Amino acid sequence: MAHYAFLDTNNVVTEVIVGIDETELIKGLDTETWYGNFRGQICKRTSYNAAINGYRKQYAGIGYTYDHVRDEFVAPKPYPSWTLDENNDW
């Protein structure tokens, strides 16, 4: 079982679902592409094990932002005065 995050036009996560394993193809497409096409949104796989294996930095939640340059999810800004550091941490 794998988890997938759907993004809005600003790359903000709007929903996270449980889907099929990322190793399986659906009609010849990788799962991110298939789910994205099906929903008409950008779709990115996310993992509960991200803190351990470093996959996309952290598990995506609603309100998180996907950084396509670093291929990772960034948590929402906790306080107005905080800024991201060079590691995309608040």
PDB file of N, CA and C in Angstrom:
ATOM      1  N   MET A   1       0.838  -1.171   0.000  1.00  0.00           N
ATOM      2  CA  MET A   1       0.000   0.000   0.000  1.00  0.00           C
ATOM      3  C   MET A   1       0.890   1.244   0.000  1.00  0.00           C
ATOM      4  N   ALA A   2       0.546   2.215  -0.802  1.00  0.00           N
ATOM      5  CA  ALA A   2       1.296   3.460  -0.883  1.00  0.00           C
ATOM      6  C   ALA A   2       0.338   4.631  -0.668  1.00  0.00           C
ATOM      7  N   HIS A   3       0.902   5.794  -0.379  1.00  0.00           N
ATOM      8  CA  HIS A   3       0.114   7.001  -0.157  1.00  0.00           C
ATOM      9  C   HIS A   3       0.460   8.020  -1.236  1.00  0.00           C
ATOM     10  N   TYR A   4      -0.553   8.772  -1.648  1.00  0.00           N
ATOM     11  CA  TYR A   4      -0.388   9.745  -2.719  1.00  0.00           C
ATOM     12  C   TYR A   4      -0.998  11.075  -2.305  1.00  0.00           C
ATOM     13  N   ALA A   5      -0.260  12.159  -2.597  1.00  0.00           N
ATOM     14  CA  ALA A   5      -0.717  13.509  -2.285  1.00  0.00           C
ATOM     15  C   ALA A   5      -1.149  14.197  -3.574  1.00  0.00           C
ATOM     16  N   PHE A   6      -2.314  14.831  -3.540  1.00  0.00           N
ATOM     17  CA  PHE A   6      -2.805  15.604  -4.677  1.00  0.00           C
ATOM     18  C   PHE A   6      -2.541  17.077  -4.405  1.00  0.00           C
ATOM     19  N   LEU A   7      -2.055  17.779  -5.439  1.00  0.00           N
ATOM     20  CA  LEU A   7      -1.637  19.168  -5.300  1.00  0.00           C
ATOM     21  C   LEU A   7      -2.554  20.102  -6.078  1.00  0.00           C
ATOM     22  N   ASP A   8      -2.713  21.323  -5.549  1.00  0.00           N
ATOM     23  CA  ASP A   8      -3.447  22.335  -6.302  1.00  0.00           C
ATOM     24  C   ASP A   8      -2.475  23.043  -7.249  1.00  0.00           C
ATOM     25  N   THR A   9      -2.918  24.100  -7.898  1.00  0.00           N
ATOM     26  CA  THR A   9      -2.072  24.791  -8.877  1.00  0.00           C
ATOM     27  C   THR A   9      -0.888  25.524  -8.246  1.00  0.00           C
ATOM     28  N   ASN A  10      -0.901  25.686  -6.922  1.00  0.00           N
ATOM     29  CA  ASN A  10       0.218  26.308  -6.208  1.00  0.00           C
ATOM     30  C   ASN A  10       1.116  25.269  -5.543  1.00  0.00           C
ATOM     31  N   ASN A  11       0.926  23.991  -5.891  1.00  0.00           N
ATOM     32  CA  ASN A  11       1.689  22.868  -5.322  1.00  0.00           C
ATOM     33  C   ASN A  11       1.417  22.644  -3.841  1.00  0.00           C
ATOM     34  N   VAL A  12       0.251  23.051  -3.370  1.00  0.00           N
ATOM     35  CA  VAL A  12      -0.152  22.817  -1.988  1.00  0.00           C
ATOM     36  C   VAL A  12      -0.995  21.540  -1.947  1.00  0.00           C
ATOM     37  N   VAL A  13      -0.711  20.689  -0.969  1.00  0.00           N
ATOM     38  CA  VAL A  13      -1.416  19.416  -0.838  1.00  0.00           C
ATOM     39  C   VAL A  13      -2.860  19.671  -0.414  1.00  0.00           C
ATOM     40  N   THR A  14      -3.797  19.112  -1.185  1.00  0.00           N
ATOM     41  CA  THR A  14      -5.220  19.260  -0.883  1.00  0.00           C
ATOM     42  C   THR A  14      -5.833  17.977  -0.340  1.00  0.00           C
ATOM     43  N   GLU A  15      -5.184  16.841  -0.622  1.00  0.00           N
ATOM     44  CA  GLU A  15      -5.713  15.551  -0.172  1.00  0.00           C
ATOM     45  C   GLU A  15      -4.608  14.509  -0.241  1.00  0.00           C
ATOM     46  N   VAL A  16      -4.639  13.561   0.694  1.00  0.00           N
ATOM     47  CA  VAL A  16      -3.722  12.418   0.678  1.00  0.00           C
ATOM     48  C   VAL A  16      -4.579  11.159   0.712  1.00  0.00           C
ATOM     49  N   ILE A  17      -4.286  10.223  -0.198  1.00  0.00           N
ATOM     50  CA  ILE A  17      -5.059   8.983  -0.268  1.00  0.00           C
ATOM     51  C   ILE A  17      -4.145   7.770  -0.141  1.00  0.00           C
ATOM     52  N   VAL A  18      -4.745   6.641   0.151  1.00  0.00           N
ATOM     53  CA  VAL A  18      -4.046   5.360   0.117  1.00  0.00           C
ATOM     54  C   VAL A  18      -4.341   4.743  -1.240  1.00  0.00           C
ATOM     55  N   GLY A  19      -3.296   4.278  -1.928  1.00  0.00           N
ATOM     56  CA  GLY A  19      -3.474   3.683  -3.247  1.00  0.00           C
ATOM     57  C   GLY A  19      -2.642   2.423  -3.394  1.00  0.00           C
ATOM     58  N   ILE A  20      -2.523   1.973  -4.625  1.00  0.00           N
ATOM     59  CA  ILE A  20      -1.766   0.746  -4.862  1.00  0.00           C
ATOM     60  C   ILE A  20      -0.269   1.019  -4.767  1.00  0.00           C
ATOM     61  N   ASP A  21       0.507  -0.037  -4.594  1.00  0.00           N
ATOM     62  CA  ASP A  21       1.962   0.100  -4.489  1.00  0.00           C
ATOM     63  C   ASP A  21       2.539   0.780  -5.717  1.00  0.00           C
ATOM     64  N   GLU A  22       3.557   1.573  -5.481  1.00  0.00           N
ATOM     65  CA  GLU A  22       4.175   2.337  -6.558  1.00  0.00           C
ATOM     66  C   GLU A  22       4.933   1.461  -7.544  1.00  0.00           C
ATOM     67  N   THR A  23       5.150   0.201  -7.216  1.00  0.00           N
ATOM     68  CA  THR A  23       5.863  -0.701  -8.122  1.00  0.00           C
ATOM     69  C   THR A  23       4.957  -1.244  -9.220  1.00  0.00           C
ATOM     70  N   GLU A  24       3.658  -1.055  -9.089  1.00  0.00           N
ATOM     71  CA  GLU A  24       2.702  -1.555 -10.070  1.00  0.00           C
ATOM     72  C   GLU A  24       2.397  -0.483 -11.115  1.00  0.00           C
ATOM     73  N   LEU A  25       2.150  -0.918 -12.338  1.00  0.00           N
ATOM     74  CA  LEU A  25       1.727  -0.008 -13.397  1.00  0.00           C
ATOM     75  C   LEU A  25       0.219  -0.128 -13.582  1.00  0.00           C
ATOM     76  N   ILE A  26      -0.410   0.971 -13.945  1.00  0.00           N
ATOM     77  CA  ILE A  26      -1.840   0.965 -14.250  1.00  0.00           C
ATOM     78  C   ILE A  26      -1.969   1.373 -15.714  1.00  0.00           C
ATOM     79  N   LYS A  27      -2.434   0.461 -16.532  1.00  0.00           N
ATOM     80  CA  LYS A  27      -2.576   0.720 -17.970  1.00  0.00           C
ATOM     81  C   LYS A  27      -1.272   1.256 -18.557  1.00  0.00           C
ATOM     82  N   GLY A  28      -0.147   0.716 -18.087  1.00  0.00           N
ATOM     83  CA  GLY A  28       1.161   1.087 -18.610  1.00  0.00           C
ATOM     84  C   GLY A  28       1.753   2.361 -18.041  1.00  0.00           C
ATOM     85  N   LEU A  29       1.062   3.004 -17.109  1.00  0.00           N
ATOM     86  CA  LEU A  29       1.548   4.258 -16.523  1.00  0.00           C
ATOM     87  C   LEU A  29       2.006   4.037 -15.093  1.00  0.00           C
ATOM     88  N   ASP A  30       3.005   4.832 -14.660  1.00  0.00           N
ATOM     89  CA  ASP A  30       3.374   4.785 -13.245  1.00  0.00           C
ATOM     90  C   ASP A  30       2.212   5.347 -12.431  1.00  0.00           C
ATOM     91  N   THR A  31       2.168   5.000 -11.163  1.00  0.00           N
ATOM     92  CA  THR A  31       0.998   5.333 -10.340  1.00  0.00           C
ATOM     93  C   THR A  31       0.790   6.838 -10.172  1.00  0.00           C
ATOM     94  N   GLU A  32       1.856   7.617 -10.006  1.00  0.00           N
ATOM     95  CA  GLU A  32       1.693   9.069  -9.872  1.00  0.00           C
ATOM     96  C   GLU A  32       1.010   9.647 -11.108  1.00  0.00           C
ATOM     97  N   THR A  33       1.468   9.241 -12.270  1.00  0.00           N
ATOM     98  CA  THR A  33       0.891   9.744 -13.516  1.00  0.00           C
ATOM     99  C   THR A  33      -0.558   9.306 -13.666  1.00  0.00           C
ATOM    100  N   TRP A  34      -0.838   8.034 -13.392  1.00  0.00           N
ATOM    101  CA  TRP A  34      -2.203   7.536 -13.557  1.00  0.00           C
ATOM    102  C   TRP A  34      -3.175   8.245 -12.612  1.00  0.00           C
ATOM    103  N   TYR A  35      -2.822   8.316 -11.309  1.00  0.00           N
ATOM    104  CA  TYR A  35      -3.710   8.995 -10.359  1.00  0.00           C
ATOM    105  C   TYR A  35      -3.881  10.467 -10.733  1.00  0.00           C
ATOM    106  N   GLY A  36      -2.796  11.119 -11.150  1.00  0.00           N
ATOM    107  CA  GLY A  36      -2.881  12.520 -11.555  1.00  0.00           C
ATOM    108  C   GLY A  36      -3.795  12.723 -12.748  1.00  0.00           C
ATOM    109  N   ASN A  37      -3.660  11.866 -13.759  1.00  0.00           N
ATOM    110  CA  ASN A  37      -4.533  11.952 -14.938  1.00  0.00           C
ATOM    111  C   ASN A  37      -5.984  11.676 -14.564  1.00  0.00           C
ATOM    112  N   PHE A  38      -6.201  10.678 -13.717  1.00  0.00           N
ATOM    113  CA  PHE A  38      -7.553  10.296 -13.309  1.00  0.00           C
ATOM    114  C   PHE A  38      -8.262  11.436 -12.586  1.00  0.00           C
ATOM    115  N   ARG A  39      -7.515  12.130 -11.716  1.00  0.00           N
ATOM    116  CA  ARG A  39      -8.100  13.208 -10.919  1.00  0.00           C
ATOM    117  C   ARG A  39      -7.968  14.585 -11.565  1.00  0.00           C
ATOM    118  N   GLY A  40      -7.126  14.710 -12.579  1.00  0.00           N
ATOM    119  CA  GLY A  40      -6.903  16.014 -13.189  1.00  0.00           C
ATOM    120  C   GLY A  40      -6.103  16.939 -12.295  1.00  0.00           C
ATOM    121  N   GLN A  41      -5.256  16.355 -11.447  1.00  0.00           N
ATOM    122  CA  GLN A  41      -4.399  17.122 -10.546  1.00  0.00           C
ATOM    123  C   GLN A  41      -3.001  16.517 -10.568  1.00  0.00           C
ATOM    124  N   ILE A  42      -2.032  17.290 -10.153  1.00  0.00           N
ATOM    125  CA  ILE A  42      -0.694  16.737  -9.972  1.00  0.00           C
ATOM    126  C   ILE A  42      -0.743  15.804  -8.775  1.00  0.00           C
ATOM    127  N   CYS A  43      -0.101  14.662  -8.903  1.00  0.00           N
ATOM    128  CA  CYS A  43      -0.087  13.658  -7.847  1.00  0.00           C
ATOM    129  C   CYS A  43       1.351  13.272  -7.551  1.00  0.00           C
ATOM    130  N   LYS A  44       1.708  13.216  -6.279  1.00  0.00           N
ATOM    131  CA  LYS A  44       3.046  12.814  -5.851  1.00  0.00           C
ATOM    132  C   LYS A  44       2.927  11.779  -4.749  1.00  0.00           C
ATOM    133  N   ARG A  45       3.731  10.720  -4.865  1.00  0.00           N
ATOM    134  CA  ARG A  45       3.735   9.703  -3.817  1.00  0.00           C
ATOM    135  C   ARG A  45       4.382  10.288  -2.569  1.00  0.00           C
ATOM    136  N   THR A  46       3.908   9.867  -1.415  1.00  0.00           N
ATOM    137  CA  THR A  46       4.473  10.276  -0.140  1.00  0.00           C
ATOM    138  C   THR A  46       4.615   9.038   0.728  1.00  0.00           C
ATOM    139  N   SER A  47       5.438   9.117   1.753  1.00  0.00           N
ATOM    140  CA  SER A  47       5.717   7.923   2.551  1.00  0.00           C
ATOM    141  C   SER A  47       5.770   8.247   4.036  1.00  0.00           C
ATOM    142  N   TYR A  48       5.110   7.374   4.834  1.00  0.00           N
ATOM    143  CA  TYR A  48       5.203   7.505   6.285  1.00  0.00           C
ATOM    144  C   TYR A  48       6.633   7.296   6.760  1.00  0.00           C
ATOM    145  N   ASN A  49       7.434   6.604   5.984  1.00  0.00           N
ATOM    146  CA  ASN A  49       8.821   6.313   6.351  1.00  0.00           C
ATOM    147  C   ASN A  49       9.795   7.388   5.886  1.00  0.00           C
ATOM    148  N   ALA A  50       9.311   8.523   5.463  1.00  0.00           N
ATOM    149  CA  ALA A  50      10.169   9.571   4.916  1.00  0.00           C
ATOM    150  C   ALA A  50      11.256  10.009   5.894  1.00  0.00           C
ATOM    151  N   ALA A  51      10.947  10.075   7.170  1.00  0.00           N
ATOM    152  CA  ALA A  51      11.951  10.489   8.158  1.00  0.00           C
ATOM    153  C   ALA A  51      13.092   9.481   8.248  1.00  0.00           C
ATOM    154  N   ILE A  52      12.798   8.232   7.941  1.00  0.00           N
ATOM    155  CA  ILE A  52      13.812   7.178   8.007  1.00  0.00           C
ATOM    156  C   ILE A  52      14.574   7.066   6.693  1.00  0.00           C
ATOM    157  N   ASN A  53      13.839   7.016   5.589  1.00  0.00           N
ATOM    158  CA  ASN A  53      14.495   6.782   4.300  1.00  0.00           C
ATOM    159  C   ASN A  53      14.742   8.050   3.482  1.00  0.00           C
ATOM    160  N   GLY A  54      14.293   9.190   3.974  1.00  0.00           N
ATOM    161  CA  GLY A  54      14.541  10.459   3.301  1.00  0.00           C
ATOM    162  C   GLY A  54      13.713  10.703   2.054  1.00  0.00           C
ATOM    163  N   TYR A  55      12.712   9.854   1.794  1.00  0.00           N
ATOM    164  CA  TYR A  55      11.922  10.012   0.575  1.00  0.00           C
ATOM    165  C   TYR A  55      11.065  11.274   0.649  1.00  0.00           C
ATOM    166  N   ARG A  56      11.367  12.218  -0.189  1.00  0.00           N
ATOM    167  CA  ARG A  56      10.662  13.500  -0.262  1.00  0.00           C
ATOM    168  C   ARG A  56      10.591  14.204   1.090  1.00  0.00           C
ATOM    169  N   LYS A  57      11.602  13.984   1.873  1.00  0.00           N
ATOM    170  CA  LYS A  57      11.872  14.634   3.157  1.00  0.00           C
ATOM    171  C   LYS A  57      10.907  14.280   4.275  1.00  0.00           C
ATOM    172  N   GLN A  58       9.618  14.367   4.044  1.00  0.00           N
ATOM    173  CA  GLN A  58       8.641  14.081   5.097  1.00  0.00           C
ATOM    174  C   GLN A  58       7.304  13.691   4.483  1.00  0.00           C
ATOM    175  N   TYR A  59       6.493  13.042   5.298  1.00  0.00           N
ATOM    176  CA  TYR A  59       5.162  12.637   4.843  1.00  0.00           C
ATOM    177  C   TYR A  59       4.334  13.882   4.566  1.00  0.00           C
ATOM    178  N   ALA A  60       3.657  13.902   3.448  1.00  0.00           N
ATOM    179  CA  ALA A  60       2.836  15.055   3.072  1.00  0.00           C
ATOM    180  C   ALA A  60       1.524  15.065   3.841  1.00  0.00           C
ATOM    181  N   GLY A  61       1.116  16.234   4.232  1.00  0.00           N
ATOM    182  CA  GLY A  61      -0.183  16.421   4.864  1.00  0.00           C
ATOM    183  C   GLY A  61      -0.906  17.554   4.165  1.00  0.00           C
ATOM    184  N   ILE A  62      -2.190  17.666   4.404  1.00  0.00           N
ATOM    185  CA  ILE A  62      -2.957  18.761   3.810  1.00  0.00           C
ATOM    186  C   ILE A  62      -2.345  20.082   4.264  1.00  0.00           C
ATOM    187  N   GLY A  63      -2.111  20.968   3.315  1.00  0.00           N
ATOM    188  CA  GLY A  63      -1.503  22.258   3.608  1.00  0.00           C
ATOM    189  C   GLY A  63       0.002  22.290   3.391  1.00  0.00           C
ATOM    190  N   TYR A  64       0.630  21.129   3.240  1.00  0.00           N
ATOM    191  CA  TYR A  64       2.059  21.087   2.939  1.00  0.00           C
ATOM    192  C   TYR A  64       2.262  21.542   1.498  1.00  0.00           C
ATOM    193  N   THR A  65       3.456  22.021   1.188  1.00  0.00           N
ATOM    194  CA  THR A  65       3.787  22.464  -0.159  1.00  0.00           C
ATOM    195  C   THR A  65       4.822  21.524  -0.757  1.00  0.00           C
ATOM    196  N   TYR A  66       4.644  21.191  -2.024  1.00  0.00           N
ATOM    197  CA  TYR A  66       5.614  20.353  -2.724  1.00  0.00           C
ATOM    198  C   TYR A  66       6.621  21.250  -3.420  1.00  0.00           C
ATOM    199  N   ASP A  67       7.905  21.079  -3.107  1.00  0.00           N
ATOM    200  CA  ASP A  67       8.996  21.814  -3.744  1.00  0.00           C
ATOM    201  C   ASP A  67       9.514  20.946  -4.884  1.00  0.00           C
ATOM    202  N   HIS A  68       9.169  21.304  -6.131  1.00  0.00           N
ATOM    203  CA  HIS A  68       9.551  20.466  -7.271  1.00  0.00           C
ATOM    204  C   HIS A  68      11.042  20.521  -7.575  1.00  0.00           C
ATOM    205  N   VAL A  69      11.725  21.582  -7.170  1.00  0.00           N
ATOM    206  CA  VAL A  69      13.170  21.675  -7.397  1.00  0.00           C
ATOM    207  C   VAL A  69      13.905  20.661  -6.527  1.00  0.00           C
ATOM    208  N   ARG A  70      13.515  20.563  -5.262  1.00  0.00           N
ATOM    209  CA  ARG A  70      14.158  19.622  -4.331  1.00  0.00           C
ATOM    210  C   ARG A  70      13.445  18.277  -4.258  1.00  0.00           C
ATOM    211  N   ASP A  71      12.297  18.173  -4.893  1.00  0.00           N
ATOM    212  CA  ASP A  71      11.489  16.948  -4.863  1.00  0.00           C
ATOM    213  C   ASP A  71      11.192  16.537  -3.423  1.00  0.00           C
ATOM    214  N   GLU A  72      10.617  17.492  -2.660  1.00  0.00           N
ATOM    215  CA  GLU A  72      10.284  17.208  -1.263  1.00  0.00           C
ATOM    216  C   GLU A  72       9.093  18.045  -0.815  1.00  0.00           C
ATOM    217  N   PHE A  73       8.483  17.593   0.280  1.00  0.00           N
ATOM    218  CA  PHE A  73       7.348  18.301   0.863  1.00  0.00           C
ATOM    219  C   PHE A  73       7.831  19.192   2.000  1.00  0.00           C
ATOM    220  N   VAL A  74       7.258  20.394   2.069  1.00  0.00           N
ATOM    221  CA  VAL A  74       7.608  21.372   3.097  1.00  0.00           C
ATOM    222  C   VAL A  74       6.376  21.605   3.963  1.00  0.00           C
ATOM    223  N   ALA A  75       6.559  21.525   5.272  1.00  0.00           N
ATOM    224  CA  ALA A  75       5.456  21.738   6.214  1.00  0.00           C
ATOM    225  C   ALA A  75       4.967  23.184   6.139  1.00  0.00           C
ATOM    226  N   PRO A  76       3.706  23.415   6.513  1.00  0.00           N
ATOM    227  CA  PRO A  76       3.198  24.793   6.539  1.00  0.00           C
ATOM    228  C   PRO A  76       4.005  25.652   7.513  1.00  0.00           C
ATOM    229  N   LYS A  77       4.064  26.924   7.238  1.00  0.00           N
ATOM    230  CA  LYS A  77       4.797  27.868   8.078  1.00  0.00           C
ATOM    231  C   LYS A  77       4.131  27.950   9.450  1.00  0.00           C
ATOM    232  N   PRO A  78       4.866  27.602  10.529  1.00  0.00           N
ATOM    233  CA  PRO A  78       4.238  27.570  11.849  1.00  0.00           C
ATOM    234  C   PRO A  78       3.980  28.953  12.464  1.00  0.00           C
ATOM    235  N   TYR A  79       4.843  29.918  12.176  1.00  0.00           N
ATOM    236  CA  TYR A  79       4.697  31.273  12.720  1.00  0.00           C
ATOM    237  C   TYR A  79       5.049  32.282  11.633  1.00  0.00           C
ATOM    238  N   PRO A  80       4.365  33.414  11.578  1.00  0.00           N
ATOM    239  CA  PRO A  80       4.613  34.399  10.521  1.00  0.00           C
ATOM    240  C   PRO A  80       6.061  34.880  10.438  1.00  0.00           C
ATOM    241  N   SER A  81       6.761  34.930  11.551  1.00  0.00           N
ATOM    242  CA  SER A  81       8.125  35.461  11.554  1.00  0.00           C
ATOM    243  C   SER A  81       9.179  34.440  11.105  1.00  0.00           C
ATOM    244  N   TRP A  82       8.808  33.174  10.981  1.00  0.00           N
ATOM    245  CA  TRP A  82       9.781  32.131  10.624  1.00  0.00           C
ATOM    246  C   TRP A  82      10.061  32.137   9.123  1.00  0.00           C
ATOM    247  N   THR A  83      11.290  31.773   8.760  1.00  0.00           N
ATOM    248  CA  THR A  83      11.673  31.633   7.354  1.00  0.00           C
ATOM    249  C   THR A  83      12.339  30.279   7.148  1.00  0.00           C
ATOM    250  N   LEU A  84      12.275  29.798   5.928  1.00  0.00           N
ATOM    251  CA  LEU A  84      12.916  28.522   5.608  1.00  0.00           C
ATOM    252  C   LEU A  84      14.427  28.687   5.577  1.00  0.00           C
ATOM    253  N   ASP A  85      15.138  27.675   6.088  1.00  0.00           N
ATOM    254  CA  ASP A  85      16.595  27.688   5.983  1.00  0.00           C
ATOM    255  C   ASP A  85      17.014  26.971   4.701  1.00  0.00           C
ATOM    256  N   GLU A  86      18.310  26.772   4.525  1.00  0.00           N
ATOM    257  CA  GLU A  86      18.822  26.155   3.296  1.00  0.00           C
ATOM    258  C   GLU A  86      18.403  24.694   3.126  1.00  0.00           C
ATOM    259  N   ASN A  87      17.896  24.066   4.203  1.00  0.00           N
ATOM    260  CA  ASN A  87      17.427  22.681   4.142  1.00  0.00           C
ATOM    261  C   ASN A  87      15.903  22.573   4.023  1.00  0.00           C
ATOM    262  N   ASN A  88      15.241  23.700   3.787  1.00  0.00           N
ATOM    263  CA  ASN A  88      13.774  23.746   3.729  1.00  0.00           C
ATOM    264  C   ASN A  88      13.136  23.393   5.071  1.00  0.00           C
ATOM    265  N   ASP A  89      13.790  23.756   6.154  1.00  0.00           N
ATOM    266  CA  ASP A  89      13.254  23.575   7.505  1.00  0.00           C
ATOM    267  C   ASP A  89      12.898  24.948   8.066  1.00  0.00           C
ATOM    268  N   TRP A  90      11.850  24.974   8.876  1.00  0.00           N
ATOM    269  CA  TRP A  90      11.437  26.223   9.521  1.00  0.00           C
ATOM    270  C   TRP A  90      12.273  26.462  10.753  1.00  0.00           C
TER     271      TRP A  90
END
